[in-house]
């Protein structure tokens, strides 16, 4: 399955496009992070991108850091 902003937002429980412009930069950052970390495009999963996007967005809470799970799974996928 191709990982798209739309299916990540759906997985996050966000419907409609009212948050698209807010979520897109975090989604793009997660995809770039994974690719730059050596994860092959075909190994990038919806679950991991959703986790990372949610971690960074954090409903504007200001925490904005990737979770330990995100880093561990990204490392696994980079070695795959």
Protein backbone atom coordinates (compact mmCIF):
# COMPACT_ATOMS: atom_id res chain seq x y z
CA UNK A 1 0.00 0.00 0.00
CA UNK A 2 1.30 3.43 -0.92
CA UNK A 3 1.57 5.71 2.09
CA UNK A 4 -0.22 8.98 1.37
CA UNK A 5 -1.13 11.98 3.45
CA UNK A 6 -4.78 11.07 3.04
CA UNK A 7 -4.45 7.54 4.42
CA UNK A 8 -2.24 8.77 7.28
CA UNK A 9 -4.87 11.33 8.22
CA UNK A 10 -7.55 8.64 8.08
CA UNK A 11 -5.45 6.43 10.36
CA UNK A 12 -5.13 9.39 12.75
CA UNK A 13 -8.93 9.72 12.78
CA UNK A 14 -8.93 13.00 10.89
CA UNK A 15 -11.68 13.29 8.28
CA UNK A 16 -12.13 15.99 5.70
CA UNK A 17 -9.42 18.31 4.51
CA UNK A 18 -9.59 21.04 7.13
CA UNK A 19 -6.32 19.84 8.77
CA UNK A 20 -4.46 18.96 5.56
CA UNK A 21 -2.29 22.09 5.48
CA UNK A 22 -1.47 21.67 9.17
CA UNK A 23 -0.54 17.98 8.98
CA UNK A 24 1.30 17.98 5.62
CA UNK A 25 4.63 19.45 6.89
CA UNK A 26 4.85 16.78 9.61
CA UNK A 27 3.99 14.02 7.15
CA UNK A 28 6.64 15.28 4.71
CA UNK A 29 9.22 15.50 7.50
CA UNK A 30 8.58 11.89 8.57
CA UNK A 31 8.85 10.59 5.00
CA UNK A 32 12.10 12.53 4.47
CA UNK A 33 13.47 11.32 7.81
CA UNK A 34 12.82 7.68 6.89
CA UNK A 35 14.32 7.99 3.40
CA UNK A 36 17.36 9.87 4.69
CA UNK A 37 17.80 7.16 7.34
CA UNK A 38 18.13 4.53 4.65
CA UNK A 39 14.63 3.05 4.71
CA UNK A 40 13.76 1.88 1.21
CA UNK A 41 10.59 3.47 -0.11
CA UNK A 42 8.93 0.07 -0.40
CA UNK A 43 9.56 -0.59 3.31
CA UNK A 44 7.94 2.60 4.58
CA UNK A 45 4.74 1.56 6.34
CA UNK A 46 1.48 3.36 6.98
CA UNK A 47 1.67 2.58 10.69
CA UNK A 48 5.13 4.05 11.14
CA UNK A 49 4.42 7.20 9.15
CA UNK A 50 1.19 7.66 11.10
CA UNK A 51 3.06 7.23 14.39
CA UNK A 52 5.76 9.73 13.38
CA UNK A 53 3.30 12.27 12.02
CA UNK A 54 1.22 12.04 15.17
CA UNK A 55 4.36 12.35 17.33
CA UNK A 56 5.46 15.55 15.60
CA UNK A 57 2.01 17.12 15.31
CA UNK A 58 0.91 16.31 18.86
CA UNK A 59 -2.18 18.50 18.41
CA UNK A 60 -0.02 21.61 18.66
CA UNK A 61 1.01 20.64 22.20
CA UNK A 62 4.57 21.79 21.59
CA UNK A 63 6.23 18.48 22.49
CA UNK A 64 6.97 17.67 18.86
CA UNK A 65 9.46 14.84 19.22
CA UNK A 66 9.56 11.40 17.73
CA UNK A 67 8.76 8.52 20.06
CA UNK A 68 11.19 5.76 21.01
CA UNK A 69 8.98 3.30 19.11
CA UNK A 70 9.32 5.38 15.94
CA UNK A 71 13.13 5.35 16.18
CA UNK A 72 13.27 1.60 16.91
CA UNK A 73 10.99 0.67 14.03
CA UNK A 74 12.75 3.06 11.64
CA UNK A 75 16.07 1.40 12.50
CA UNK A 76 14.58 -2.06 11.86
CA UNK A 77 13.24 -0.99 8.49
CA UNK A 78 16.54 0.63 7.51
CA UNK A 79 18.29 -2.73 8.00
CA UNK A 80 15.60 -4.67 6.13
